[in-house]
Amino acid sequence: MWIETDKQTAGEKARKRYESIATNRLSGIGAIRVRDLKPMHLQAILNEMAEEGYARKTITEVKQAAAAALDFAMQNDIVYRNVFAKVSIPNAGKEERKPLTEQQKRILVETWQGHRMGLPALLMLYCGLRRGELLALTWRDVDITNKTITISKAVYYVGNAAEVKPPKSKAGNRVVPIPDAILPALQQRRRASMLVCASRQAGGMMSNTAFRCAWDSYQHYLNIAAGGKDASRSNPKIQAVEPFTAHQLRHTYATMLYDAGVDVLTAQRLLGHADVQTTMRVYTHLSAQKEQQSIAALNAHIGAGIASIKF
């Protein structure tokens, strides 16, 4: 409603941007009555975006759009204060956009059986699943015979509690292929329990805290397996392998699609992007990275060839 009102003051480009944010980012709280909205509802969305590697500018735009909606509600005496105004913008680390190194991928693949998060990590890396999609995945969604995974739901966190809802956009509903290389892992771990990535407590849904603890434990395990002593980011001297986030696995999947020459529309479908422009931004970012790497390699090659020449 506030978007329709804003047409008179906002330009067409800004209006479309707000519409995109409302559809793709704020739909998870769309069913909550305005009077019942709390800061934690928006905070959970922004925190999830930070964990998924979104830029601070993008996260800020989502907060601004949500706060604008409540400003409109205040102007129309629907609410008396804007509970989103003081929601904080979480730090968005640049390392989240780095694909895994060959060492990280090798350790992940070689040790997947040794930790409960090993198989989930394989699925995020080689099927491009988001964290929420992984946590909602059931074994019924995994078709070993046809080598596909059907994604039709995702876990969203409000505070620490997990809620299962449909994907935020229609594009999130998709069928992704399972690479032949990881089929044996799925066949080996397939079980009668519902969830592929379940909590230790009766195989139920993981809370936000439970997932964070399990992921930290997994990073420690990988580091020990690689010959290190600790997985602490604050002490890199004893790290044998650099820790990585769940979103880095999905970003690595996008990188593999780009490297394999997969066209942007197919990549959009496999990644579940609602807007092809999102996929284009990923591909453009990867193209720029490749160009920088090529220039660095060229400089090194030229430098090696003329190192003995004095100018």
Protein backbone atom coordinates (compact mmCIF):
# COMPACT_ATOMS: atom_id res chain seq x y z
CA MET A 1 0.00 0.00 0.00
CA TRP A 2 2.77 2.43 0.92
CA ILE A 3 4.46 1.66 -2.42
CA GLU A 4 1.35 2.76 -4.30
CA THR A 5 1.28 6.01 -2.31
CA ASP A 6 4.97 6.56 -2.92
CA LYS A 7 4.46 6.63 -6.69
CA GLN A 8 3.77 10.34 -6.53
CA THR A 9 7.12 11.16 -4.91
CA ALA A 10 9.46 8.34 -5.94
CA GLY A 11 10.80 7.83 -9.41
CA GLU A 12 9.92 4.77 -11.44
CA LYS A 13 13.32 3.16 -10.80
CA ALA A 14 13.05 3.67 -7.03
CA ARG A 15 9.49 2.35 -6.97
CA LYS A 16 10.46 -0.83 -8.80
CA ARG A 17 13.37 -1.30 -6.41
CA TYR A 18 11.03 -1.03 -3.41
CA GLU A 19 8.61 -3.47 -5.01
CA SER A 20 11.44 -5.94 -5.56
CA ILE A 21 12.53 -5.64 -1.93
CA ALA A 22 8.98 -6.10 -0.66
CA THR A 23 8.50 -9.21 -2.79
CA ASN A 24 11.89 -10.87 -2.38
CA ARG A 25 13.01 -9.81 1.09
CA LEU A 26 10.08 -8.71 3.24
CA SER A 27 7.48 -11.29 2.21
CA GLY A 28 8.43 -13.40 5.22
CA ILE A 29 6.91 -10.82 7.58
CA GLY A 30 4.09 -9.84 5.26
CA ALA A 31 1.55 -12.00 7.09
CA ILE A 32 2.22 -10.32 10.45
CA ARG A 33 -0.19 -7.56 11.42
CA VAL A 34 1.50 -4.15 11.38
CA ARG A 35 0.66 -3.60 15.05
CA ASP A 36 2.36 -6.89 15.95
CA LEU A 37 5.64 -6.18 14.18
CA LYS A 38 8.73 -6.09 16.40
CA PRO A 39 12.35 -5.07 15.75
CA MET A 40 13.46 -8.72 15.87
CA HIS A 41 11.34 -9.53 12.80
CA LEU A 42 13.36 -7.22 10.56
CA GLN A 43 16.61 -7.89 12.44
CA ALA A 44 16.34 -11.60 11.60
CA ILE A 45 16.00 -10.78 7.90
CA LEU A 46 18.97 -8.41 7.91
CA ASN A 47 21.14 -10.86 9.86
CA GLU A 48 20.32 -13.60 7.38
CA MET A 49 21.27 -11.33 4.48
CA ALA A 50 24.60 -10.53 6.15
CA GLU A 51 25.30 -14.24 6.60
CA GLU A 52 24.46 -14.82 2.94
CA GLY A 53 27.09 -12.30 1.91
CA TYR A 54 24.94 -9.37 0.79
CA ALA A 55 26.65 -5.98 0.62
CA ARG A 56 26.00 -3.49 3.42
CA LYS A 57 24.39 -1.14 0.88
CA THR A 58 21.84 -3.79 -0.12
CA ILE A 59 21.04 -4.63 3.51
CA THR A 60 20.59 -0.93 4.25
CA GLU A 61 18.16 -0.59 1.33
CA VAL A 62 16.01 -3.39 2.79
CA LYS A 63 15.94 -1.69 6.20
CA GLN A 64 15.04 1.64 4.59
CA ALA A 65 12.19 0.05 2.63
CA ALA A 66 10.78 -1.64 5.75
CA ALA A 67 11.11 1.55 7.81
CA ALA A 68 9.39 3.53 5.05
CA ALA A 69 6.43 1.14 5.22
CA LEU A 70 6.04 1.82 8.94
CA ASP A 71 6.46 5.56 8.38
CA PHE A 72 3.44 5.34 6.10
CA ALA A 73 1.57 3.39 8.79
CA MET A 74 2.40 6.12 11.33
CA GLN A 75 1.17 8.85 9.00
CA ASN A 76 -2.14 7.03 8.74
CA ASP A 77 -2.44 6.42 12.52
CA ILE A 78 -2.13 2.65 12.11
CA VAL A 79 0.82 2.53 14.52
CA TYR A 80 2.27 5.16 16.83
CA ARG A 81 5.96 4.43 16.46
CA ASN A 82 8.32 2.95 13.92
CA VAL A 83 9.75 -0.19 15.52
CA PHE A 84 12.13 -0.67 12.57
CA ALA A 85 13.79 2.75 12.87
CA LYS A 86 16.50 1.62 15.30
CA VAL A 87 17.16 -1.85 13.90
CA SER A 88 20.91 -2.17 13.44
CA ILE A 89 22.68 -3.00 10.19
CA PRO A 90 24.83 -6.11 10.76
CA ASN A 91 28.37 -6.22 9.46
CA ALA A 92 28.60 -7.79 6.01
CA GLY A 93 32.02 -9.35 5.60
CA LYS A 94 33.67 -9.14 2.20
CA GLU A 95 35.13 -12.62 2.69
CA GLU A 96 31.61 -14.03 2.32
CA ARG A 97 31.81 -13.42 -1.43
CA LYS A 98 35.00 -15.41 -1.89
CA PRO A 99 34.61 -18.85 -3.44
CA LEU A 100 36.29 -21.73 -1.67
CA THR A 101 39.90 -22.44 -2.51
CA GLU A 102 40.92 -25.78 -3.96
CA GLN A 103 42.35 -26.71 -0.56
CA GLN A 104 39.08 -25.94 1.21
CA LYS A 105 37.09 -27.98 -1.33
CA ARG A 106 39.51 -30.90 -1.10
CA ILE A 107 39.35 -31.04 2.72
CA LEU A 108 35.55 -30.74 2.65
CA VAL A 109 35.16 -33.62 0.19
CA GLU A 110 37.78 -35.90 1.75
CA THR A 111 36.39 -35.59 5.29
CA TRP A 112 32.63 -35.34 4.73
CA GLN A 113 31.88 -38.59 6.57
CA GLY A 114 33.58 -37.49 9.78
CA HIS A 115 31.16 -34.74 10.83
CA ARG A 116 27.38 -34.40 10.87
CA MET A 117 27.62 -31.20 8.80
CA GLY A 118 29.71 -32.90 6.11
CA LEU A 119 26.78 -33.99 3.93
CA PRO A 120 24.92 -30.66 4.31
CA ALA A 121 28.10 -28.88 3.22
CA LEU A 122 28.34 -31.10 0.12
CA LEU A 123 24.74 -30.21 -0.80
CA MET A 124 25.30 -26.47 -0.43
CA LEU A 125 28.53 -26.65 -2.40
CA TYR A 126 27.47 -28.89 -5.30
CA CYS A 127 23.71 -28.19 -5.49
CA GLY A 128 23.72 -24.48 -4.59
CA LEU A 129 21.25 -24.74 -1.71
CA ARG A 130 20.71 -21.77 0.59
CA ARG A 131 21.06 -22.45 4.30
CA GLY A 132 17.31 -22.14 4.87
CA GLU A 133 16.56 -24.47 1.96
CA LEU A 134 18.99 -27.04 3.32
CA LEU A 135 17.50 -26.96 6.82
CA ALA A 136 13.97 -27.51 5.47
CA LEU A 137 15.06 -30.31 3.10
CA THR A 138 13.52 -33.72 3.71
CA TRP A 139 14.62 -37.04 2.29
CA ARG A 140 11.36 -37.11 0.32
CA ASP A 141 12.71 -34.11 -1.61
CA VAL A 142 15.77 -36.10 -2.66
CA ASP A 143 15.20 -38.26 -5.76
CA ILE A 144 18.18 -40.59 -6.04
CA THR A 145 16.79 -42.35 -9.11
CA ASN A 146 16.35 -39.19 -11.19
CA LYS A 147 19.31 -37.43 -9.55
CA THR A 148 17.35 -34.34 -8.50
CA ILE A 149 16.46 -32.33 -5.41
CA THR A 150 13.11 -30.53 -5.24
CA ILE A 151 13.19 -27.26 -3.32
CA SER A 152 9.77 -26.06 -2.22
CA LYS A 153 10.30 -24.66 1.27
CA ALA A 154 12.86 -22.99 3.49
CA VAL A 155 13.54 -22.32 7.15
CA TYR A 156 13.34 -18.71 8.31
CA TYR A 157 14.41 -17.57 11.75
CA VAL A 158 12.54 -15.15 13.98
CA GLY A 159 14.94 -14.72 16.85
CA ASN A 160 16.15 -18.24 17.57
CA ALA A 161 13.00 -20.06 16.50
CA ALA A 162 12.79 -21.79 13.11
CA GLU A 163 9.74 -21.48 10.90
CA VAL A 164 9.20 -23.42 7.66
CA LYS A 165 7.65 -21.38 4.88
CA PRO A 166 7.55 -21.39 1.08
CA PRO A 167 10.52 -19.73 -0.68
CA LYS A 168 10.44 -15.94 -0.77
CA SER A 169 9.81 -15.94 -4.52
CA LYS A 170 8.38 -18.30 -7.12
CA ALA A 171 11.88 -18.75 -8.52
CA GLY A 172 12.90 -20.32 -5.21
CA ASN A 173 10.68 -23.28 -6.07
CA ARG A 174 12.93 -25.33 -8.33
CA VAL A 175 14.45 -28.69 -9.12
CA VAL A 176 18.24 -28.89 -9.08
CA PRO A 177 20.42 -31.72 -10.40
CA ILE A 178 22.52 -33.87 -8.10
CA PRO A 179 26.04 -34.35 -9.51
CA ASP A 180 26.97 -37.99 -10.01
CA ALA A 181 30.03 -37.51 -7.80
CA ILE A 182 28.00 -36.97 -4.61
CA LEU A 183 25.24 -39.53 -5.25
CA PRO A 184 27.06 -42.24 -3.24
CA ALA A 185 27.18 -39.89 -0.24
CA LEU A 186 23.41 -39.39 -0.38
CA GLN A 187 22.78 -43.11 -0.84
CA GLN A 188 24.98 -43.88 2.13
CA ARG A 189 23.36 -41.37 4.48
CA ARG A 190 19.75 -41.74 3.37
CA ARG A 191 17.63 -42.65 6.35
CA ALA A 192 14.05 -42.89 7.57
CA SER A 193 14.13 -39.57 9.48
CA MET A 194 12.43 -36.68 7.79
CA LEU A 195 15.13 -34.01 7.67
CA VAL A 196 18.43 -34.23 5.81
CA CYS A 197 20.04 -31.76 8.25
CA ALA A 198 18.35 -32.32 11.60
CA SER A 199 18.96 -31.29 15.18
CA ARG A 200 20.51 -33.80 17.54
CA GLN A 201 17.36 -33.55 19.64
CA ALA A 202 14.98 -36.16 18.24
CA GLY A 203 15.90 -35.24 14.68
CA GLY A 204 13.90 -32.02 14.77
CA MET A 205 14.41 -28.63 13.17
CA MET A 206 17.63 -26.81 14.00
CA SER A 207 17.33 -23.52 15.87
CA ASN A 208 19.50 -20.62 14.77
CA THR A 209 21.82 -21.19 17.72
CA ALA A 210 22.02 -24.94 17.06
CA PHE A 211 23.05 -24.36 13.46
CA ARG A 212 25.72 -21.82 14.43
CA CYS A 213 27.15 -24.19 17.04
CA ALA A 214 27.15 -27.11 14.59
CA TRP A 215 28.82 -24.97 11.91
CA ASP A 216 31.52 -23.73 14.30
CA SER A 217 32.15 -27.32 15.35
CA TYR A 218 32.43 -28.31 11.69
CA GLN A 219 34.98 -25.59 10.96
CA HIS A 220 37.05 -26.75 13.93
CA TYR A 221 36.83 -30.34 12.69
CA LEU A 222 37.99 -29.38 9.18
CA ASN A 223 40.93 -27.46 10.56
CA ILE A 224 42.03 -30.36 12.77
CA ALA A 225 41.63 -32.73 9.80
CA ALA A 226 43.90 -30.45 7.77
CA GLY A 227 46.59 -30.55 10.46
CA GLY A 228 45.73 -27.38 12.38
CA LYS A 229 45.16 -26.90 16.08
CA ASP A 230 42.18 -24.58 16.25
CA ALA A 231 39.52 -23.04 14.00
CA SER A 232 39.53 -19.66 15.68
CA ARG A 233 39.49 -16.77 13.20
CA SER A 234 41.32 -14.66 15.78
CA ASN A 235 44.41 -16.87 15.67
CA PRO A 236 45.27 -17.59 12.03
CA LYS A 237 48.74 -18.88 12.91
CA ILE A 238 47.29 -22.22 13.99
CA GLN A 239 44.83 -22.53 11.09
CA ALA A 240 45.66 -25.19 8.54
CA VAL A 241 42.59 -24.32 6.46
CA GLU A 242 40.73 -21.01 6.44
CA PRO A 243 37.21 -21.16 7.92
CA PHE A 244 34.33 -20.46 5.53
CA THR A 245 30.65 -19.61 5.79
CA ALA A 246 27.64 -21.54 4.57
CA HIS A 247 26.97 -18.86 1.97
CA GLN A 248 30.49 -19.21 0.58
CA LEU A 249 29.52 -22.73 -0.48
CA ARG A 250 26.60 -21.40 -2.52
CA HIS A 251 28.80 -18.66 -3.96
CA THR A 252 31.31 -21.33 -4.96
CA TYR A 253 28.49 -23.18 -6.74
CA ALA A 254 27.70 -20.00 -8.69
CA THR A 255 31.40 -19.71 -9.53
CA MET A 256 31.43 -23.28 -10.86
CA LEU A 257 28.40 -22.51 -13.03
CA TYR A 258 30.24 -19.48 -14.44
CA ASP A 259 33.47 -21.43 -15.00
CA ALA A 260 31.54 -24.23 -16.75
CA GLY A 261 30.06 -21.74 -19.21
CA VAL A 262 26.47 -22.16 -17.98
CA ASP A 263 24.31 -19.43 -19.53
CA VAL A 264 22.89 -16.78 -17.22
CA LEU A 265 19.21 -17.86 -17.55
CA THR A 266 20.02 -21.46 -16.63
CA ALA A 267 22.16 -20.21 -13.75
CA GLN A 268 19.26 -18.03 -12.58
CA ARG A 269 16.96 -21.06 -12.51
CA LEU A 270 19.45 -23.30 -10.70
CA LEU A 271 20.28 -20.64 -8.12
CA GLY A 272 16.63 -19.71 -7.58
CA HIS A 273 17.12 -15.99 -8.21
CA ALA A 274 13.83 -14.13 -8.59
CA ASP A 275 15.44 -11.51 -10.82
CA VAL A 276 17.90 -12.31 -13.62
CA GLN A 277 19.68 -9.06 -12.73
CA THR A 278 20.78 -10.70 -9.48
CA THR A 279 22.43 -13.48 -11.48
CA MET A 280 23.91 -10.93 -13.84
CA ARG A 281 25.49 -9.10 -10.89
CA VAL A 282 27.02 -12.36 -9.67
CA TYR A 283 28.37 -13.17 -13.12
CA THR A 284 29.68 -9.62 -13.59
CA HIS A 285 31.44 -9.79 -10.22
CA LEU A 286 33.01 -13.13 -11.15
CA SER A 287 34.04 -11.80 -14.56
CA ALA A 288 35.80 -8.86 -12.91
CA GLN A 289 37.60 -11.24 -10.55
CA LYS A 290 38.76 -13.39 -13.46
CA GLU A 291 40.01 -10.31 -15.29
CA GLN A 292 42.03 -9.20 -12.26
CA GLN A 293 43.51 -12.69 -11.92
CA SER A 294 44.43 -12.73 -15.61
CA ILE A 295 46.11 -9.31 -15.37
CA ALA A 296 48.07 -10.44 -12.30
CA ALA A 297 49.16 -13.61 -14.11
CA LEU A 298 50.18 -11.59 -17.16
CA ASN A 299 52.20 -9.17 -15.02
CA ALA A 300 53.95 -12.07 -13.32
CA HIS A 301 54.74 -13.68 -16.67
CA ILE A 302 56.11 -10.44 -18.13
CA GLY A 303 58.05 -9.73 -14.96
CA ALA A 304 59.70 -13.15 -15.03
CA GLY A 305 60.73 -12.61 -18.64
CA ILE A 306 62.46 -9.28 -18.14
CA ALA A 307 63.68 -9.65 -14.55
CA SER A 308 67.32 -9.57 -15.62
CA ILE A 309 66.97 -6.46 -17.79
CA LYS A 310 67.94 -3.11 -16.30
CA PHE A 311 65.99 -0.05 -17.42
